Amino acid sequence: MAVAAASVNVFRTITETVGTSTVGIYTTPVAYTGVVLLAQATNTGDFTETISFGYRRNGVDTPITEGLSIPSNDTANLLTGKLVVETNNSLTLVGSSATNLKFICSILETSNL
């Protein structure tokens, strides 16, 4: 019986409503490397909100943006370039609102095999 080969490149879109507790929103699968192509957050509320976006490796969090203010009805880019996320490493999010911040992220997963 033949075993199906892993896909070489897989595109993912991650969408989340940002909460007020830090959560992992993406973890790169085993045998893949993730390349973050886009990471944006939109404030749909009536007041300025803040967001923090980070990288978690071996349980250690590294801030990418921390306490970034997003005015009402505006959008912010959370990355100025691409970001490589290695196998089993994660992206994290936390905001100042449990309902008003919306996150979207495009990731290219590339097989390491």
PDB file of N, CA and C in Angstrom:
ATOM      1  N   MET A   1       0.841  -1.170   0.000  1.00  0.00           N
ATOM      2  CA  MET A   1       0.000   0.000   0.000  1.00  0.00           C
ATOM      3  C   MET A   1       0.890   1.239   0.000  1.00  0.00           C
ATOM      4  N   ALA A   2       0.645   2.140  -0.905  1.00  0.00           N
ATOM      5  CA  ALA A   2       1.446   3.364  -1.017  1.00  0.00           C
ATOM      6  C   ALA A   2       1.025   4.371   0.050  1.00  0.00           C
ATOM      7  N   VAL A   3       2.005   5.082   0.558  1.00  0.00           N
ATOM      8  CA  VAL A   3       1.746   6.132   1.538  1.00  0.00           C
ATOM      9  C   VAL A   3       1.710   7.464   0.802  1.00  0.00           C
ATOM     10  N   ALA A   4       0.703   8.256   1.068  1.00  0.00           N
ATOM     11  CA  ALA A   4       0.584   9.558   0.408  1.00  0.00           C
ATOM     12  C   ALA A   4       1.716  10.476   0.862  1.00  0.00           C
ATOM     13  N   ALA A   5       2.313  11.142  -0.094  1.00  0.00           N
ATOM     14  CA  ALA A   5       3.386  12.087   0.220  1.00  0.00           C
ATOM     15  C   ALA A   5       2.799  13.357   0.827  1.00  0.00           C
ATOM     16  N   ALA A   6       3.562  13.965   1.722  1.00  0.00           N
ATOM     17  CA  ALA A   6       3.130  15.227   2.334  1.00  0.00           C
ATOM     18  C   ALA A   6       3.149  16.320   1.277  1.00  0.00           C
ATOM     19  N   SER A   7       2.229  17.257   1.394  1.00  0.00           N
ATOM     20  CA  SER A   7       2.220  18.392   0.492  1.00  0.00           C
ATOM     21  C   SER A   7       3.469  19.223   0.734  1.00  0.00           C
ATOM     22  N   VAL A   8       4.088  19.686  -0.337  1.00  0.00           N
ATOM     23  CA  VAL A   8       5.305  20.474  -0.221  1.00  0.00           C
ATOM     24  C   VAL A   8       4.984  21.867   0.307  1.00  0.00           C
ATOM     25  N   ASN A   9       3.978  22.511  -0.249  1.00  0.00           N
ATOM     26  CA  ASN A   9       3.575  23.854   0.167  1.00  0.00           C
ATOM     27  C   ASN A   9       2.082  23.882   0.454  1.00  0.00           C
ATOM     28  N   VAL A  10       1.729  24.411   1.614  1.00  0.00           N
ATOM     29  CA  VAL A  10       0.323  24.540   2.007  1.00  0.00           C
ATOM     30  C   VAL A  10       0.105  25.967   2.497  1.00  0.00           C
ATOM     31  N   PHE A  11      -0.895  26.639   1.942  1.00  0.00           N
ATOM     32  CA  PHE A  11      -1.242  27.982   2.392  1.00  0.00           C
ATOM     33  C   PHE A  11      -2.325  27.900   3.455  1.00  0.00           C
ATOM     34  N   ARG A  12      -2.190  28.694   4.515  1.00  0.00           N
ATOM     35  CA  ARG A  12      -3.161  28.743   5.610  1.00  0.00           C
ATOM     36  C   ARG A  12      -3.587  30.184   5.836  1.00  0.00           C
ATOM     37  N   THR A  13      -4.841  30.355   6.163  1.00  0.00           N
ATOM     38  CA  THR A  13      -5.346  31.653   6.612  1.00  0.00           C
ATOM     39  C   THR A  13      -5.889  31.453   8.016  1.00  0.00           C
ATOM     40  N   ILE A  14      -5.373  32.239   8.948  1.00  0.00           N
ATOM     41  CA  ILE A  14      -5.792  32.169  10.344  1.00  0.00           C
ATOM     42  C   ILE A  14      -6.602  33.421  10.651  1.00  0.00           C
ATOM     43  N   THR A  15      -7.808  33.256  11.193  1.00  0.00           N
ATOM     44  CA  THR A  15      -8.614  34.397  11.628  1.00  0.00           C
ATOM     45  C   THR A  15      -9.021  34.167  13.076  1.00  0.00           C
ATOM     46  N   GLU A  16      -8.960  35.224  13.856  1.00  0.00           N
ATOM     47  CA  GLU A  16      -9.289  35.134  15.286  1.00  0.00           C
ATOM     48  C   GLU A  16      -9.901  36.438  15.756  1.00  0.00           C
ATOM     49  N   THR A  17     -10.818  36.336  16.714  1.00  0.00           N
ATOM     50  CA  THR A  17     -11.198  37.494  17.503  1.00  0.00           C
ATOM     51  C   THR A  17     -10.246  37.496  18.683  1.00  0.00           C
ATOM     52  N   VAL A  18      -9.500  38.580  18.845  1.00  0.00           N
ATOM     53  CA  VAL A  18      -8.453  38.658  19.863  1.00  0.00           C
ATOM     54  C   VAL A  18      -9.091  38.779  21.238  1.00  0.00           C
ATOM     55  N   GLY A  19      -8.573  38.035  22.201  1.00  0.00           N
ATOM     56  CA  GLY A  19      -9.083  38.079  23.566  1.00  0.00           C
ATOM     57  C   GLY A  19      -8.153  38.837  24.493  1.00  0.00           C
ATOM     58  N   THR A  20      -8.511  38.859  25.766  1.00  0.00           N
ATOM     59  CA  THR A  20      -7.734  39.595  26.761  1.00  0.00           C
ATOM     60  C   THR A  20      -6.740  38.706  27.522  1.00  0.00           C
ATOM     61  N   SER A  21      -6.631  37.455  27.125  1.00  0.00           N
ATOM     62  CA  SER A  21      -5.621  36.543  27.679  1.00  0.00           C
ATOM     63  C   SER A  21      -4.738  36.069  26.532  1.00  0.00           C
ATOM     64  N   THR A  22      -3.449  35.944  26.786  1.00  0.00           N
ATOM     65  CA  THR A  22      -2.515  35.501  25.749  1.00  0.00           C
ATOM     66  C   THR A  22      -2.829  34.073  25.338  1.00  0.00           C
ATOM     67  N   VAL A  23      -2.992  33.866  24.028  1.00  0.00           N
ATOM     68  CA  VAL A  23      -3.273  32.537  23.484  1.00  0.00           C
ATOM     69  C   VAL A  23      -2.388  32.279  22.279  1.00  0.00           C
ATOM     70  N   GLY A  24      -2.078  31.005  22.071  1.00  0.00           N
ATOM     71  CA  GLY A  24      -1.393  30.584  20.852  1.00  0.00           C
ATOM     72  C   GLY A  24      -2.419  30.481  19.739  1.00  0.00           C
ATOM     73  N   ILE A  25      -2.173  31.153  18.635  1.00  0.00           N
ATOM     74  CA  ILE A  25      -3.151  31.141  17.541  1.00  0.00           C
ATOM     75  C   ILE A  25      -2.687  30.288  16.360  1.00  0.00           C
ATOM     76  N   TYR A  26      -1.411  29.888  16.375  1.00  0.00           N
ATOM     77  CA  TYR A  26      -0.888  29.035  15.307  1.00  0.00           C
ATOM     78  C   TYR A  26       0.366  28.342  15.815  1.00  0.00           C
ATOM     79  N   THR A  27       0.473  27.042  15.549  1.00  0.00           N
ATOM     80  CA  THR A  27       1.687  26.280  15.835  1.00  0.00           C
ATOM     81  C   THR A  27       2.075  25.550  14.556  1.00  0.00           C
ATOM     82  N   THR A  28       3.316  25.685  14.155  1.00  0.00           N
ATOM     83  CA  THR A  28       3.786  25.029  12.935  1.00  0.00           C
ATOM     84  C   THR A  28       3.818  23.523  13.145  1.00  0.00           C
ATOM     85  N   PRO A  29       3.207  22.767  12.224  1.00  0.00           N
ATOM     86  CA  PRO A  29       3.171  21.310  12.359  1.00  0.00           C
ATOM     87  C   PRO A  29       4.564  20.678  12.246  1.00  0.00           C
ATOM     88  N   VAL A  30       4.684  19.457  12.756  1.00  0.00           N
ATOM     89  CA  VAL A  30       5.913  18.676  12.638  1.00  0.00           C
ATOM     90  C   VAL A  30       6.239  18.513  11.159  1.00  0.00           C
ATOM     91  N   ALA A  31       7.509  18.629  10.831  1.00  0.00           N
ATOM     92  CA  ALA A  31       8.046  18.453   9.474  1.00  0.00           C
ATOM     93  C   ALA A  31       7.724  19.620   8.541  1.00  0.00           C
ATOM     94  N   TYR A  32       7.288  20.741   9.087  1.00  0.00           N
ATOM     95  CA  TYR A  32       7.011  21.934   8.286  1.00  0.00           C
ATOM     96  C   TYR A  32       7.690  23.156   8.894  1.00  0.00           C
ATOM     97  N   THR A  33       7.924  24.144   8.063  1.00  0.00           N
ATOM     98  CA  THR A  33       8.326  25.480   8.482  1.00  0.00           C
ATOM     99  C   THR A  33       7.246  26.413   7.981  1.00  0.00           C
ATOM    100  N   GLY A  34       6.774  27.302   8.851  1.00  0.00           N
ATOM    101  CA  GLY A  34       5.757  28.271   8.452  1.00  0.00           C
ATOM    102  C   GLY A  34       6.405  29.606   8.127  1.00  0.00           C
ATOM    103  N   VAL A  35       5.945  30.227   7.048  1.00  0.00           N
ATOM    104  CA  VAL A  35       6.402  31.570   6.689  1.00  0.00           C
ATOM    105  C   VAL A  35       5.184  32.484   6.752  1.00  0.00           C
ATOM    106  N   VAL A  36       5.202  33.423   7.698  1.00  0.00           N
ATOM    107  CA  VAL A  36       4.090  34.357   7.841  1.00  0.00           C
ATOM    108  C   VAL A  36       4.249  35.423   6.762  1.00  0.00           C
ATOM    109  N   LEU A  37       3.251  35.503   5.889  1.00  0.00           N
ATOM    110  CA  LEU A  37       3.280  36.454   4.783  1.00  0.00           C
ATOM    111  C   LEU A  37       2.577  37.758   5.135  1.00  0.00           C
ATOM    112  N   LEU A  38       1.576  37.676   6.015  1.00  0.00           N
ATOM    113  CA  LEU A  38       0.768  38.842   6.383  1.00  0.00           C
ATOM    114  C   LEU A  38       0.209  38.615   7.773  1.00  0.00           C
ATOM    115  N   ALA A  39       0.208  39.652   8.587  1.00  0.00           N
ATOM    116  CA  ALA A  39      -0.434  39.612   9.899  1.00  0.00           C
ATOM    117  C   ALA A  39      -1.018  40.990  10.162  1.00  0.00           C
ATOM    118  N   GLN A  40      -2.341  41.066  10.248  1.00  0.00           N
ATOM    119  CA  GLN A  40      -3.033  42.339  10.446  1.00  0.00           C
ATOM    120  C   GLN A  40      -4.085  42.205  11.530  1.00  0.00           C
ATOM    121  N   ALA A  41      -4.359  43.321  12.186  1.00  0.00           N
ATOM    122  CA  ALA A  41      -5.434  43.377  13.172  1.00  0.00           C
ATOM    123  C   ALA A  41      -6.284  44.607  12.881  1.00  0.00           C
ATOM    124  N   THR A  42      -7.594  44.446  13.052  1.00  0.00           N
ATOM    125  CA  THR A  42      -8.553  45.530  12.828  1.00  0.00           C
ATOM    126  C   THR A  42      -9.314  45.781  14.113  1.00  0.00           C
ATOM    127  N   ASN A  43      -9.493  47.055  14.425  1.00  0.00           N
ATOM    128  CA  ASN A  43     -10.287  47.466  15.578  1.00  0.00           C
ATOM    129  C   ASN A  43     -11.669  47.877  15.070  1.00  0.00           C
ATOM    130  N   THR A  44     -12.668  47.072  15.373  1.00  0.00           N
ATOM    131  CA  THR A  44     -14.035  47.355  14.925  1.00  0.00           C
ATOM    132  C   THR A  44     -14.833  48.142  15.965  1.00  0.00           C
ATOM    133  N   GLY A  45     -14.210  48.476  17.075  1.00  0.00           N
ATOM    134  CA  GLY A  45     -14.896  49.167  18.166  1.00  0.00           C
ATOM    135  C   GLY A  45     -14.891  50.679  18.025  1.00  0.00           C
ATOM    136  N   ASP A  46     -15.432  51.340  19.039  1.00  0.00           N
ATOM    137  CA  ASP A  46     -15.576  52.798  19.042  1.00  0.00           C
ATOM    138  C   ASP A  46     -14.415  53.518  19.723  1.00  0.00           C
ATOM    139  N   PHE A  47     -13.498  52.772  20.350  1.00  0.00           N
ATOM    140  CA  PHE A  47     -12.388  53.373  21.087  1.00  0.00           C
ATOM    141  C   PHE A  47     -11.077  52.729  20.665  1.00  0.00           C
ATOM    142  N   THR A  48      -9.965  53.410  20.885  1.00  0.00           N
ATOM    143  CA  THR A  48      -8.646  52.855  20.600  1.00  0.00           C
ATOM    144  C   THR A  48      -8.410  51.619  21.471  1.00  0.00           C
ATOM    145  N   GLU A  49      -7.896  50.556  20.856  1.00  0.00           N
ATOM    146  CA  GLU A  49      -7.563  49.312  21.548  1.00  0.00           C
ATOM    147  C   GLU A  49      -6.081  49.022  21.329  1.00  0.00           C
ATOM    148  N   THR A  50      -5.515  48.150  22.157  1.00  0.00           N
ATOM    149  CA  THR A  50      -4.121  47.750  21.983  1.00  0.00           C
ATOM    150  C   THR A  50      -4.024  46.251  21.735  1.00  0.00           C
ATOM    151  N   ILE A  51      -2.941  45.865  21.038  1.00  0.00           N
ATOM    152  CA  ILE A  51      -2.710  44.456  20.727  1.00  0.00           C
ATOM    153  C   ILE A  51      -1.228  44.136  20.890  1.00  0.00           C
ATOM    154  N   SER A  52      -0.960  42.926  21.327  1.00  0.00           N
ATOM    155  CA  SER A  52       0.408  42.409  21.397  1.00  0.00           C
ATOM    156  C   SER A  52       0.446  41.103  20.609  1.00  0.00           C
ATOM    157  N   PHE A  53       1.477  40.954  19.779  1.00  0.00           N
ATOM    158  CA  PHE A  53       1.657  39.812  18.883  1.00  0.00           C
ATOM    159  C   PHE A  53       3.060  39.278  19.152  1.00  0.00           C
ATOM    160  N   GLY A  54       3.186  37.963  19.359  1.00  0.00           N
ATOM    161  CA  GLY A  54       4.485  37.425  19.723  1.00  0.00           C
ATOM    162  C   GLY A  54       4.807  36.086  19.107  1.00  0.00           C
ATOM    163  N   TYR A  55       6.040  35.665  19.362  1.00  0.00           N
ATOM    164  CA  TYR A  55       6.589  34.399  18.879  1.00  0.00           C
ATOM    165  C   TYR A  55       6.969  33.571  20.098  1.00  0.00           C
ATOM    166  N   ARG A  56       6.502  32.327  20.158  1.00  0.00           N
ATOM    167  CA  ARG A  56       6.788  31.441  21.296  1.00  0.00           C
ATOM    168  C   ARG A  56       7.665  30.281  20.817  1.00  0.00           C
ATOM    169  N   ARG A  57       8.832  30.163  21.453  1.00  0.00           N
ATOM    170  CA  ARG A  57       9.770  29.087  21.121  1.00  0.00           C
ATOM    171  C   ARG A  57      10.243  28.455  22.423  1.00  0.00           C
ATOM    172  N   ASN A  58      10.035  27.145  22.549  1.00  0.00           N
ATOM    173  CA  ASN A  58      10.445  26.414  23.761  1.00  0.00           C
ATOM    174  C   ASN A  58       9.904  27.065  25.024  1.00  0.00           C
ATOM    175  N   GLY A  59       8.672  27.561  24.975  1.00  0.00           N
ATOM    176  CA  GLY A  59       8.036  28.162  26.137  1.00  0.00           C
ATOM    177  C   GLY A  59       8.457  29.588  26.435  1.00  0.00           C
ATOM    178  N   VAL A  60       9.333  30.151  25.615  1.00  0.00           N
ATOM    179  CA  VAL A  60       9.795  31.525  25.811  1.00  0.00           C
ATOM    180  C   VAL A  60       9.122  32.427  24.789  1.00  0.00           C
ATOM    181  N   ASP A  61       8.452  33.480  25.276  1.00  0.00           N
ATOM    182  CA  ASP A  61       7.757  34.421  24.400  1.00  0.00           C
ATOM    183  C   ASP A  61       8.658  35.591  24.029  1.00  0.00           C
ATOM    184  N   THR A  62       8.699  35.914  22.745  1.00  0.00           N
ATOM    185  CA  THR A  62       9.424  37.073  22.245  1.00  0.00           C
ATOM    186  C   THR A  62       8.406  38.010  21.601  1.00  0.00           C
ATOM    187  N   PRO A  63       8.287  39.244  22.091  1.00  0.00           N
ATOM    188  CA  PRO A  63       7.331  40.179  21.500  1.00  0.00           C
ATOM    189  C   PRO A  63       7.739  40.583  20.083  1.00  0.00           C
ATOM    190  N   ILE A  64       6.757  40.651  19.207  1.00  0.00           N
ATOM    191  CA  ILE A  64       6.947  41.218  17.872  1.00  0.00           C
ATOM    192  C   ILE A  64       6.394  42.643  17.890  1.00  0.00           C
ATOM    193  N   THR A  65       5.178  42.779  18.377  1.00  0.00           N
ATOM    194  CA  THR A  65       4.604  44.093  18.688  1.00  0.00           C
ATOM    195  C   THR A  65       4.020  43.973  20.081  1.00  0.00           C
ATOM    196  N   GLU A  66       4.188  44.998  20.891  1.00  0.00           N
ATOM    197  CA  GLU A  66       3.698  44.938  22.266  1.00  0.00           C
ATOM    198  C   GLU A  66       2.935  46.216  22.595  1.00  0.00           C
ATOM    199  N   GLY A  67       1.647  46.058  22.911  1.00  0.00           N
ATOM    200  CA  GLY A  67       0.820  47.206  23.272  1.00  0.00           C
ATOM    201  C   GLY A  67       0.623  48.183  22.124  1.00  0.00           C
ATOM    202  N   LEU A  68       0.555  47.677  20.899  1.00  0.00           N
ATOM    203  CA  LEU A  68       0.363  48.527  19.727  1.00  0.00           C
ATOM    204  C   LEU A  68      -1.050  49.099  19.723  1.00  0.00           C
ATOM    205  N   SER A  69      -1.169  50.406  19.667  1.00  0.00           N
ATOM    206  CA  SER A  69      -2.483  51.071  19.650  1.00  0.00           C
ATOM    207  C   SER A  69      -3.078  51.041  18.254  1.00  0.00           C
ATOM    208  N   ILE A  70      -4.357  50.648  18.193  1.00  0.00           N
ATOM    209  CA  ILE A  70      -5.095  50.672  16.932  1.00  0.00           C
ATOM    210  C   ILE A  70      -6.329  51.543  17.151  1.00  0.00           C
ATOM    211  N   PRO A  71      -6.410  52.685  16.456  1.00  0.00           N
ATOM    212  CA  PRO A  71      -7.576  53.562  16.615  1.00  0.00           C
ATOM    213  C   PRO A  71      -8.875  52.872  16.178  1.00  0.00           C
ATOM    214  N   SER A  72      -9.980  53.422  16.615  1.00  0.00           N
ATOM    215  CA  SER A  72     -11.307  52.928  16.239  1.00  0.00           C
ATOM    216  C   SER A  72     -11.432  52.842  14.723  1.00  0.00           C
ATOM    217  N   ASN A  73     -12.007  51.729  14.244  1.00  0.00           N
ATOM    218  CA  ASN A  73     -12.267  51.509  12.818  1.00  0.00           C
ATOM    219  C   ASN A  73     -11.024  51.646  11.957  1.00  0.00           C
ATOM    220  N   ASP A  74      -9.891  51.129  12.449  1.00  0.00           N
ATOM    221  CA  ASP A  74      -8.635  51.186  11.712  1.00  0.00           C
ATOM    222  C   ASP A  74      -7.973  49.809  11.742  1.00  0.00           C
ATOM    223  N   THR A  75      -6.980  49.627  10.883  1.00  0.00           N
ATOM    224  CA  THR A  75      -6.250  48.367  10.778  1.00  0.00           C
ATOM    225  C   THR A  75      -4.761  48.626  10.923  1.00  0.00           C
ATOM    226  N   ALA A  76      -4.044  47.686  11.539  1.00  0.00           N
ATOM    227  CA  ALA A  76      -2.590  47.799  11.691  1.00  0.00           C
ATOM    228  C   ALA A  76      -1.918  46.540  11.162  1.00  0.00           C
ATOM    229  N   ASN A  77      -0.806  46.736  10.460  1.00  0.00           N
ATOM    230  CA  ASN A  77       0.046  45.622  10.064  1.00  0.00           C
ATOM    231  C   ASN A  77       0.926  45.280  11.252  1.00  0.00           C
ATOM    232  N   LEU A  78       0.958  44.019  11.644  1.00  0.00           N
ATOM    233  CA  LEU A  78       1.723  43.603  12.801  1.00  0.00           C
ATOM    234  C   LEU A  78       3.135  43.156  12.447  1.00  0.00           C
ATOM    235  N   LEU A  79       3.405  42.973  11.156  1.00  0.00           N
ATOM    236  CA  LEU A  79       4.735  42.625  10.660  1.00  0.00           C
ATOM    237  C   LEU A  79       5.089  43.549   9.506  1.00  0.00           C
ATOM    238  N   THR A  80       6.369  43.912   9.412  1.00  0.00           N
ATOM    239  CA  THR A  80       6.801  44.723   8.267  1.00  0.00           C
ATOM    240  C   THR A  80       7.445  43.877   7.184  1.00  0.00           C
ATOM    241  N   GLY A  81       7.667  42.608   7.475  1.00  0.00           N
ATOM    242  CA  GLY A  81       8.251  41.678   6.504  1.00  0.00           C
ATOM    243  C   GLY A  81       7.739  40.285   6.786  1.00  0.00           C
ATOM    244  N   LYS A  82       8.438  39.297   6.292  1.00  0.00           N
ATOM    245  CA  LYS A  82       8.045  37.902   6.526  1.00  0.00           C
ATOM    246  C   LYS A  82       8.672  37.402   7.829  1.00  0.00           C
ATOM    247  N   LEU A  83       8.049  36.376   8.402  1.00  0.00           N
ATOM    248  CA  LEU A  83       8.541  35.779   9.634  1.00  0.00           C
ATOM    249  C   LEU A  83       8.553  34.271   9.483  1.00  0.00           C
ATOM    250  N   VAL A  84       9.679  33.627   9.787  1.00  0.00           N
ATOM    251  CA  VAL A  84       9.791  32.166   9.744  1.00  0.00           C
ATOM    252  C   VAL A  84       9.411  31.609  11.111  1.00  0.00           C
ATOM    253  N   VAL A  85       8.484  30.644  11.108  1.00  0.00           N
ATOM    254  CA  VAL A  85       8.058  29.983  12.345  1.00  0.00           C
ATOM    255  C   VAL A  85       8.454  28.516  12.216  1.00  0.00           C
ATOM    256  N   GLU A  86       9.425  28.096  13.027  1.00  0.00           N
ATOM    257  CA  GLU A  86       9.953  26.749  12.935  1.00  0.00           C
ATOM    258  C   GLU A  86       8.993  25.725  13.536  1.00  0.00           C
ATOM    259  N   THR A  87       9.212  24.456  13.207  1.00  0.00           N
ATOM    260  CA  THR A  87       8.388  23.345  13.696  1.00  0.00           C
ATOM    261  C   THR A  87       8.166  23.448  15.204  1.00  0.00           C
ATOM    262  N   ASN A  88       6.907  23.302  15.610  1.00  0.00           N
ATOM    263  CA  ASN A  88       6.461  23.326  17.010  1.00  0.00           C
ATOM    264  C   ASN A  88       6.542  24.692  17.684  1.00  0.00           C
ATOM    265  N   ASN A  89       6.931  25.729  16.974  1.00  0.00           N
ATOM    266  CA  ASN A  89       6.911  27.077  17.527  1.00  0.00           C
ATOM    267  C   ASN A  89       5.570  27.724  17.199  1.00  0.00           C
ATOM    268  N   SER A  90       5.210  28.781  17.952  1.00  0.00           N
ATOM    269  CA  SER A  90       3.861  29.333  17.867  1.00  0.00           C
ATOM    270  C   SER A  90       3.856  30.845  17.731  1.00  0.00           C
ATOM    271  N   LEU A  91       2.706  31.338  17.285  1.00  0.00           N
ATOM    272  CA  LEU A  91       2.401  32.766  17.304  1.00  0.00           C
ATOM    273  C   LEU A  91       1.379  32.998  18.404  1.00  0.00           C
ATOM    274  N   THR A  92       1.510  34.118  19.114  1.00  0.00           N
ATOM    275  CA  THR A  92       0.593  34.414  20.214  1.00  0.00           C
ATOM    276  C   THR A  92      -0.033  35.791  20.032  1.00  0.00           C
ATOM    277  N   LEU A  93      -1.206  35.963  20.643  1.00  0.00           N
ATOM    278  CA  LEU A  93      -1.955  37.222  20.584  1.00  0.00           C
ATOM    279  C   LEU A  93      -2.586  37.521  21.929  1.00  0.00           C
ATOM    280  N   VAL A  94      -2.709  38.816  22.227  1.00  0.00           N
ATOM    281  CA  VAL A  94      -3.499  39.285  23.359  1.00  0.00           C
ATOM    282  C   VAL A  94      -3.883  40.726  23.056  1.00  0.00           C
ATOM    283  N   GLY A  95      -5.070  41.116  23.477  1.00  0.00           N
ATOM    284  CA  GLY A  95      -5.524  42.480  23.227  1.00  0.00           C
ATOM    285  C   GLY A  95      -6.182  43.094  24.439  1.00  0.00           C
ATOM    286  N   SER A  96      -6.591  44.340  24.282  1.00  0.00           N
ATOM    287  CA  SER A  96      -7.243  45.067  25.375  1.00  0.00           C
ATOM    288  C   SER A  96      -8.758  44.912  25.337  1.00  0.00           C
ATOM    289  N   SER A  97      -9.269  44.205  24.331  1.00  0.00           N
ATOM    290  CA  SER A  97     -10.709  43.992  24.192  1.00  0.00           C
ATOM    291  C   SER A  97     -10.965  42.528  23.867  1.00  0.00           C
ATOM    292  N   ALA A  98     -12.069  42.003  24.360  1.00  0.00           N
ATOM    293  CA  ALA A  98     -12.434  40.613  24.067  1.00  0.00           C
ATOM    294  C   ALA A  98     -13.312  40.495  22.826  1.00  0.00           C
ATOM    295  N   THR A  99     -13.711  41.628  22.236  1.00  0.00           N
ATOM    296  CA  THR A  99     -14.633  41.554  21.094  1.00  0.00           C
ATOM    297  C   THR A  99     -14.266  42.448  19.922  1.00  0.00           C
ATOM    298  N   ASN A 100     -13.516  43.515  20.133  1.00  0.00           N
ATOM    299  CA  ASN A 100     -13.343  44.532  19.090  1.00  0.00           C
ATOM    300  C   ASN A 100     -12.143  44.345  18.168  1.00  0.00           C
ATOM    301  N   LEU A 101     -11.209  43.487  18.525  1.00  0.00           N
ATOM    302  CA  LEU A 101     -10.012  43.299  17.709  1.00  0.00           C
ATOM    303  C   LEU A 101     -10.126  42.009  16.904  1.00  0.00           C
ATOM    304  N   LYS A 102     -10.004  42.139  15.595  1.00  0.00           N
ATOM    305  CA  LYS A 102     -10.061  40.993  14.680  1.00  0.00           C
ATOM    306  C   LYS A 102      -8.694  40.827  14.034  1.00  0.00           C
ATOM    307  N   PHE A 103      -8.216  39.579  13.970  1.00  0.00           N
ATOM    308  CA  PHE A 103      -6.883  39.266  13.471  1.00  0.00           C
ATOM    309  C   PHE A 103      -6.988  38.394  12.235  1.00  0.00           C
ATOM    310  N   ILE A 104      -6.110  38.630  11.254  1.00  0.00           N
ATOM    311  CA  ILE A 104      -5.999  37.763  10.085  1.00  0.00           C
ATOM    312  C   ILE A 104      -4.530  37.581   9.759  1.00  0.00           C
ATOM    313  N   CYS A 105      -4.186  36.367   9.369  1.00  0.00           N
ATOM    314  CA  CYS A 105      -2.792  36.022   9.115  1.00  0.00           C
ATOM    315  C   CYS A 105      -2.735  35.036   7.950  1.00  0.00           C
ATOM    316  N   SER A 106      -1.799  35.255   7.020  1.00  0.00           N
ATOM    317  CA  SER A 106      -1.568  34.324   5.920  1.00  0.00           C
ATOM    318  C   SER A 106      -0.224  33.652   6.134  1.00  0.00           C
ATOM    319  N   ILE A 107      -0.222  32.319   6.069  1.00  0.00           N
ATOM    320  CA  ILE A 107       0.991  31.547   6.336  1.00  0.00           C
ATOM    321  C   ILE A 107       1.204  30.542   5.212  1.00  0.00           C
ATOM    322  N   LEU A 108       2.461  30.434   4.767  1.00  0.00           N
ATOM    323  CA  LEU A 108       2.868  29.400   3.834  1.00  0.00           C
ATOM    324  C   LEU A 108       3.623  28.351   4.621  1.00  0.00           C
ATOM    325  N   GLU A 109       3.093  27.137   4.669  1.00  0.00           N
ATOM    326  CA  GLU A 109       3.778  26.026   5.316  1.00  0.00           C
ATOM    327  C   GLU A 109       4.554  25.253   4.251  1.00  0.00           C
ATOM    328  N   THR A 110       5.858  25.078   4.485  1.00  0.00           N
ATOM    329  CA  THR A 110       6.727  24.398   3.540  1.00  0.00           C
ATOM    330  C   THR A 110       7.272  23.136   4.192  1.00  0.00           C
ATOM    331  N   SER A 111       7.182  22.019   3.502  1.00  0.00           N
ATOM    332  CA  SER A 111       7.647  20.742   4.030  1.00  0.00           C
ATOM    333  C   SER A 111       9.156  20.737   4.225  1.00  0.00           C
ATOM    334  N   ASN A 112       9.596  20.183   5.343  1.00  0.00           N
ATOM    335  CA  ASN A 112      11.026  20.024   5.620  1.00  0.00           C
ATOM    336  C   ASN A 112      11.556  18.692   5.135  1.00  0.00           C
ATOM    337  N   LEU A 113      10.701  17.866   4.555  1.00  0.00           N
ATOM    338  CA  LEU A 113      11.129  16.525   4.123  1.00  0.00           C
ATOM    339  C   LEU A 113      11.733  16.544   2.746  1.00  0.00           C
TER     340      LEU A 113
END
